Amino acid sequence: HSAVQSGPSCLISRGREEKKAIMSVPALQQSAFALCVFGTALLVPAGWILHHVPEYRQRSTP
């Protein structure tokens, strides 16, 4: 056997290695951070509005 692989089996093993490297730990951390920022950007304004609903109700209607 030679030390260097060639042919389709080599391409398949390289493809598997690349797929494993796509979702590495830093990529997962970056994705988690992005999801947290996105969720915060949606929930904070909604929470602010819901918190101030009683004040909005007390205002006189124009």
PDB file of N, CA and C in Angstrom:
ATOM      1  N   HIS A   1       0.827  -1.198   0.000  1.00  0.00           N
ATOM      2  CA  HIS A   1       0.000   0.000   0.000  1.00  0.00           C
ATOM      3  C   HIS A   1       0.869   1.259   0.000  1.00  0.00           C
ATOM      4  N   SER A   2       0.427   2.249  -0.706  1.00  0.00           N
ATOM      5  CA  SER A   2       1.184   3.504  -0.709  1.00  0.00           C
ATOM      6  C   SER A   2       0.644   4.419   0.383  1.00  0.00           C
ATOM      7  N   ALA A   3       1.462   5.324   0.836  1.00  0.00           N
ATOM      8  CA  ALA A   3       1.087   6.236   1.916  1.00  0.00           C
ATOM      9  C   ALA A   3       0.104   7.295   1.438  1.00  0.00           C
ATOM     10  N   VAL A   4       0.142   7.628   0.150  1.00  0.00           N
ATOM     11  CA  VAL A   4      -0.739   8.659  -0.391  1.00  0.00           C
ATOM     12  C   VAL A   4      -1.921   7.991  -1.065  1.00  0.00           C
ATOM     13  N   GLN A   5      -3.141   8.360  -0.653  1.00  0.00           N
ATOM     14  CA  GLN A   5      -4.324   7.801  -1.284  1.00  0.00           C
ATOM     15  C   GLN A   5      -4.680   8.615  -2.509  1.00  0.00           C
ATOM     16  N   SER A   6      -5.225   7.948  -3.483  1.00  0.00           N
ATOM     17  CA  SER A   6      -5.713   8.655  -4.654  1.00  0.00           C
ATOM     18  C   SER A   6      -6.998   7.988  -5.093  1.00  0.00           C
ATOM     19  N   GLY A   7      -7.813   8.719  -5.796  1.00  0.00           N
ATOM     20  CA  GLY A   7      -9.054   8.159  -6.297  1.00  0.00           C
ATOM     21  C   GLY A   7     -10.245   8.565  -5.451  1.00  0.00           C
ATOM     22  N   PRO A   8     -11.397   7.938  -5.713  1.00  0.00           N
ATOM     23  CA  PRO A   8     -12.645   8.329  -5.056  1.00  0.00           C
ATOM     24  C   PRO A   8     -12.621   8.187  -3.540  1.00  0.00           C
ATOM     25  N   SER A   9     -11.955   7.152  -3.003  1.00  0.00           N
ATOM     26  CA  SER A   9     -11.957   6.976  -1.554  1.00  0.00           C
ATOM     27  C   SER A   9     -11.272   8.147  -0.866  1.00  0.00           C
ATOM     28  N   CYS A  10     -10.273   8.711  -1.485  1.00  0.00           N
ATOM     29  CA  CYS A  10      -9.590   9.867  -0.921  1.00  0.00           C
ATOM     30  C   CYS A  10     -10.524  11.074  -0.904  1.00  0.00           C
ATOM     31  N   LEU A  11     -11.307  11.256  -1.962  1.00  0.00           N
ATOM     32  CA  LEU A  11     -12.237  12.387  -2.028  1.00  0.00           C
ATOM     33  C   LEU A  11     -13.333  12.252  -0.990  1.00  0.00           C
ATOM     34  N   ILE A  12     -13.811  11.040  -0.750  1.00  0.00           N
ATOM     35  CA  ILE A  12     -14.867  10.825   0.244  1.00  0.00           C
ATOM     36  C   ILE A  12     -14.340  11.150   1.634  1.00  0.00           C
ATOM     37  N   SER A  13     -13.150  10.682   1.969  1.00  0.00           N
ATOM     38  CA  SER A  13     -12.614  10.958   3.298  1.00  0.00           C
ATOM     39  C   SER A  13     -12.335  12.444   3.483  1.00  0.00           C
ATOM     40  N   ARG A  14     -11.889  13.118   2.453  1.00  0.00           N
ATOM     41  CA  ARG A  14     -11.668  14.562   2.567  1.00  0.00           C
ATOM     42  C   ARG A  14     -12.983  15.292   2.775  1.00  0.00           C
ATOM     43  N   GLY A  15     -14.046  14.868   2.102  1.00  0.00           N
ATOM     44  CA  GLY A  15     -15.358  15.480   2.257  1.00  0.00           C
ATOM     45  C   GLY A  15     -15.870  15.336   3.680  1.00  0.00           C
ATOM     46  N   ARG A  16     -15.648  14.185   4.273  1.00  0.00           N
ATOM     47  CA  ARG A  16     -16.085  13.973   5.660  1.00  0.00           C
ATOM     48  C   ARG A  16     -15.321  14.880   6.610  1.00  0.00           C
ATOM     49  N   GLU A  17     -14.030  15.038   6.382  1.00  0.00           N
ATOM     50  CA  GLU A  17     -13.238  15.910   7.241  1.00  0.00           C
ATOM     51  C   GLU A  17     -13.702  17.357   7.132  1.00  0.00           C
ATOM     52  N   GLU A  18     -14.046  17.792   5.920  1.00  0.00           N
ATOM     53  CA  GLU A  18     -14.504  19.168   5.737  1.00  0.00           C
ATOM     54  C   GLU A  18     -15.845  19.381   6.419  1.00  0.00           C
ATOM     55  N   LYS A  19     -16.743  18.412   6.376  1.00  0.00           N
ATOM     56  CA  LYS A  19     -18.040  18.543   7.037  1.00  0.00           C
ATOM     57  C   LYS A  19     -17.865  18.652   8.545  1.00  0.00           C
ATOM     58  N   LYS A  20     -16.925  17.904   9.102  1.00  0.00           N
ATOM     59  CA  LYS A  20     -16.676  17.991  10.530  1.00  0.00           C
ATOM     60  C   LYS A  20     -16.154  19.368  10.900  1.00  0.00           C
ATOM     61  N   ALA A  21     -15.367  19.970  10.051  1.00  0.00           N
ATOM     62  CA  ALA A  21     -14.757  21.255  10.350  1.00  0.00           C
ATOM     63  C   ALA A  21     -15.746  22.411  10.191  1.00  0.00           C
ATOM     64  N   ILE A  22     -16.854  22.194   9.470  1.00  0.00           N
ATOM     65  CA  ILE A  22     -17.810  23.283   9.245  1.00  0.00           C
ATOM     66  C   ILE A  22     -18.411  23.749  10.562  1.00  0.00           C
ATOM     67  N   MET A  23     -18.833  22.835  11.419  1.00  0.00           N
ATOM     68  CA  MET A  23     -19.451  23.198  12.692  1.00  0.00           C
ATOM     69  C   MET A  23     -18.466  22.990  13.835  1.00  0.00           C
ATOM     70  N   SER A  24     -17.412  23.745  13.846  1.00  0.00           N
ATOM     71  CA  SER A  24     -16.439  23.653  14.918  1.00  0.00           C
ATOM     72  C   SER A  24     -16.961  24.423  16.129  1.00  0.00           C
ATOM     73  N   VAL A  25     -16.258  24.333  17.229  1.00  0.00           N
ATOM     74  CA  VAL A  25     -16.685  24.995  18.463  1.00  0.00           C
ATOM     75  C   VAL A  25     -16.780  26.511  18.290  1.00  0.00           C
ATOM     76  N   PRO A  26     -15.813  27.202  17.687  1.00  0.00           N
ATOM     77  CA  PRO A  26     -15.973  28.648  17.500  1.00  0.00           C
ATOM     78  C   PRO A  26     -17.182  29.004  16.639  1.00  0.00           C
ATOM     79  N   ALA A  27     -17.495  28.181  15.638  1.00  0.00           N
ATOM     80  CA  ALA A  27     -18.660  28.448  14.796  1.00  0.00           C
ATOM     81  C   ALA A  27     -19.941  28.306  15.604  1.00  0.00           C
ATOM     82  N   LEU A  28     -19.997  27.304  16.473  1.00  0.00           N
ATOM     83  CA  LEU A  28     -21.173  27.131  17.318  1.00  0.00           C
ATOM     84  C   LEU A  28     -21.309  28.277  18.296  1.00  0.00           C
ATOM     85  N   GLN A  29     -20.201  28.735  18.852  1.00  0.00           N
ATOM     86  CA  GLN A  29     -20.247  29.866  19.773  1.00  0.00           C
ATOM     87  C   GLN A  29     -20.714  31.121  19.056  1.00  0.00           C
ATOM     88  N   GLN A  30     -20.252  31.309  17.837  1.00  0.00           N
ATOM     89  CA  GLN A  30     -20.647  32.479  17.068  1.00  0.00           C
ATOM     90  C   GLN A  30     -22.137  32.409  16.741  1.00  0.00           C
ATOM     91  N   SER A  31     -22.632  31.234  16.399  1.00  0.00           N
ATOM     92  CA  SER A  31     -24.051  31.065  16.098  1.00  0.00           C
ATOM     93  C   SER A  31     -24.895  31.310  17.342  1.00  0.00           C
ATOM     94  N   ALA A  32     -24.458  30.799  18.466  1.00  0.00           N
ATOM     95  CA  ALA A  32     -25.197  31.004  19.717  1.00  0.00           C
ATOM     96  C   ALA A  32     -25.227  32.481  20.076  1.00  0.00           C
ATOM     97  N   PHE A  33     -24.116  33.165  19.905  1.00  0.00           N
ATOM     98  CA  PHE A  33     -24.059  34.598  20.188  1.00  0.00           C
ATOM     99  C   PHE A  33     -25.004  35.367  19.273  1.00  0.00           C
ATOM    100  N   ALA A  34     -25.008  35.021  17.990  1.00  0.00           N
ATOM    101  CA  ALA A  34     -25.887  35.702  17.035  1.00  0.00           C
ATOM    102  C   ALA A  34     -27.351  35.476  17.388  1.00  0.00           C
ATOM    103  N   LEU A  35     -27.712  34.254  17.790  1.00  0.00           N
ATOM    104  CA  LEU A  35     -29.092  33.980  18.185  1.00  0.00           C
ATOM    105  C   LEU A  35     -29.475  34.755  19.438  1.00  0.00           C
ATOM    106  N   CYS A  36     -28.570  34.874  20.387  1.00  0.00           N
ATOM    107  CA  CYS A  36     -28.843  35.640  21.609  1.00  0.00           C
ATOM    108  C   CYS A  36     -29.052  37.119  21.287  1.00  0.00           C
ATOM    109  N   VAL A  37     -28.229  37.668  20.429  1.00  0.00           N
ATOM    110  CA  VAL A  37     -28.370  39.074  20.048  1.00  0.00           C
ATOM    111  C   VAL A  37     -29.688  39.293  19.315  1.00  0.00           C
ATOM    112  N   PHE A  38     -30.027  38.391  18.403  1.00  0.00           N
ATOM    113  CA  PHE A  38     -31.273  38.503  17.653  1.00  0.00           C
ATOM    114  C   PHE A  38     -32.475  38.414  18.585  1.00  0.00           C
ATOM    115  N   GLY A  39     -32.449  37.468  19.505  1.00  0.00           N
ATOM    116  CA  GLY A  39     -33.549  37.324  20.470  1.00  0.00           C
ATOM    117  C   GLY A  39     -33.688  38.538  21.355  1.00  0.00           C
ATOM    118  N   THR A  40     -32.568  39.081  21.801  1.00  0.00           N
ATOM    119  CA  THR A  40     -32.604  40.281  22.628  1.00  0.00           C
ATOM    120  C   THR A  40     -33.157  41.463  21.851  1.00  0.00           C
ATOM    121  N   ALA A  41     -32.756  41.576  20.600  1.00  0.00           N
ATOM    122  CA  ALA A  41     -33.242  42.686  19.771  1.00  0.00           C
ATOM    123  C   ALA A  41     -34.756  42.612  19.572  1.00  0.00           C
ATOM    124  N   LEU A  42     -35.330  41.424  19.614  1.00  0.00           N
ATOM    125  CA  LEU A  42     -36.785  41.286  19.472  1.00  0.00           C
ATOM    126  C   LEU A  42     -37.513  41.427  20.809  1.00  0.00           C
ATOM    127  N   LEU A  43     -36.972  40.846  21.870  1.00  0.00           N
ATOM    128  CA  LEU A  43     -37.688  40.769  23.133  1.00  0.00           C
ATOM    129  C   LEU A  43     -37.616  42.041  23.971  1.00  0.00           C
ATOM    130  N   VAL A  44     -36.523  42.761  23.907  1.00  0.00           N
ATOM    131  CA  VAL A  44     -36.400  43.972  24.731  1.00  0.00           C
ATOM    132  C   VAL A  44     -37.431  45.032  24.341  1.00  0.00           C
ATOM    133  N   PRO A  45     -37.585  45.390  23.073  1.00  0.00           N
ATOM    134  CA  PRO A  45     -38.628  46.369  22.737  1.00  0.00           C
ATOM    135  C   PRO A  45     -40.039  45.878  23.078  1.00  0.00           C
ATOM    136  N   ALA A  46     -40.306  44.591  22.875  1.00  0.00           N
ATOM    137  CA  ALA A  46     -41.622  44.051  23.208  1.00  0.00           C
ATOM    138  C   ALA A  46     -41.865  44.126  24.718  1.00  0.00           C
ATOM    139  N   GLY A  47     -40.854  43.807  25.491  1.00  0.00           N
ATOM    140  CA  GLY A  47     -40.973  43.899  26.949  1.00  0.00           C
ATOM    141  C   GLY A  47     -41.175  45.323  27.412  1.00  0.00           C
ATOM    142  N   TRP A  48     -40.490  46.263  26.780  1.00  0.00           N
ATOM    143  CA  TRP A  48     -40.646  47.679  27.125  1.00  0.00           C
ATOM    144  C   TRP A  48     -42.084  48.135  26.878  1.00  0.00           C
ATOM    145  N   ILE A  49     -42.621  47.769  25.746  1.00  0.00           N
ATOM    146  CA  ILE A  49     -43.992  48.165  25.410  1.00  0.00           C
ATOM    147  C   ILE A  49     -44.977  47.536  26.385  1.00  0.00           C
ATOM    148  N   LEU A  50     -44.830  46.234  26.641  1.00  0.00           N
ATOM    149  CA  LEU A  50     -45.748  45.569  27.567  1.00  0.00           C
ATOM    150  C   LEU A  50     -45.636  46.119  28.982  1.00  0.00           C
ATOM    151  N   HIS A  51     -44.466  46.498  29.392  1.00  0.00           N
ATOM    152  CA  HIS A  51     -44.275  47.072  30.726  1.00  0.00           C
ATOM    153  C   HIS A  51     -44.978  48.426  30.862  1.00  0.00           C
ATOM    154  N   HIS A  52     -45.038  49.189  29.771  1.00  0.00           N
ATOM    155  CA  HIS A  52     -45.611  50.525  29.816  1.00  0.00           C
ATOM    156  C   HIS A  52     -47.060  50.595  29.329  1.00  0.00           C
ATOM    157  N   VAL A  53     -47.705  49.446  29.102  1.00  0.00           N
ATOM    158  CA  VAL A  53     -49.104  49.437  28.655  1.00  0.00           C
ATOM    159  C   VAL A  53     -50.017  50.187  29.621  1.00  0.00           C
ATOM    160  N   PRO A  54     -49.888  50.025  30.954  1.00  0.00           N
ATOM    161  CA  PRO A  54     -50.773  50.786  31.860  1.00  0.00           C
ATOM    162  C   PRO A  54     -50.626  52.301  31.689  1.00  0.00           C
ATOM    163  N   GLU A  55     -49.408  52.769  31.442  1.00  0.00           N
ATOM    164  CA  GLU A  55     -49.209  54.206  31.217  1.00  0.00           C
ATOM    165  C   GLU A  55     -49.883  54.648  29.927  1.00  0.00           C
ATOM    166  N   TYR A  56     -49.793  53.804  28.905  1.00  0.00           N
ATOM    167  CA  TYR A  56     -50.421  54.156  27.636  1.00  0.00           C
ATOM    168  C   TYR A  56     -51.937  54.203  27.781  1.00  0.00           C
ATOM    169  N   ARG A  57     -52.517  53.332  28.609  1.00  0.00           N
ATOM    170  CA  ARG A  57     -53.957  53.309  28.818  1.00  0.00           C
ATOM    171  C   ARG A  57     -54.439  54.545  29.571  1.00  0.00           C
ATOM    172  N   GLN A  58     -53.606  55.082  30.491  1.00  0.00           N
ATOM    173  CA  GLN A  58     -54.006  56.217  31.303  1.00  0.00           C
ATOM    174  C   GLN A  58     -53.970  57.522  30.529  1.00  0.00           C
ATOM    175  N   ARG A  59     -53.244  57.562  29.446  1.00  0.00           N
ATOM    176  CA  ARG A  59     -53.166  58.786  28.652  1.00  0.00           C
ATOM    177  C   ARG A  59     -54.525  59.071  28.033  1.00  0.00           C
ATOM    178  N   SER A  60     -54.850  60.340  27.952  1.00  0.00           N
ATOM    179  CA  SER A  60     -56.128  60.706  27.338  1.00  0.00           C
ATOM    180  C   SER A  60     -56.063  60.507  25.835  1.00  0.00           C
ATOM    181  N   THR A  61     -57.145  60.086  25.256  1.00  0.00           N
ATOM    182  CA  THR A  61     -57.170  59.890  23.812  1.00  0.00           C
ATOM    183  C   THR A  61     -57.347  61.239  23.132  1.00  0.00           C
ATOM    184  N   PRO A  62     -56.673  61.485  22.037  1.00  0.00           N
ATOM    185  CA  PRO A  62     -56.765  62.791  21.367  1.00  0.00           C
ATOM    186  C   PRO A  62     -58.098  63.005  20.678  1.00  0.00           C
TER     187      PRO A  62
END
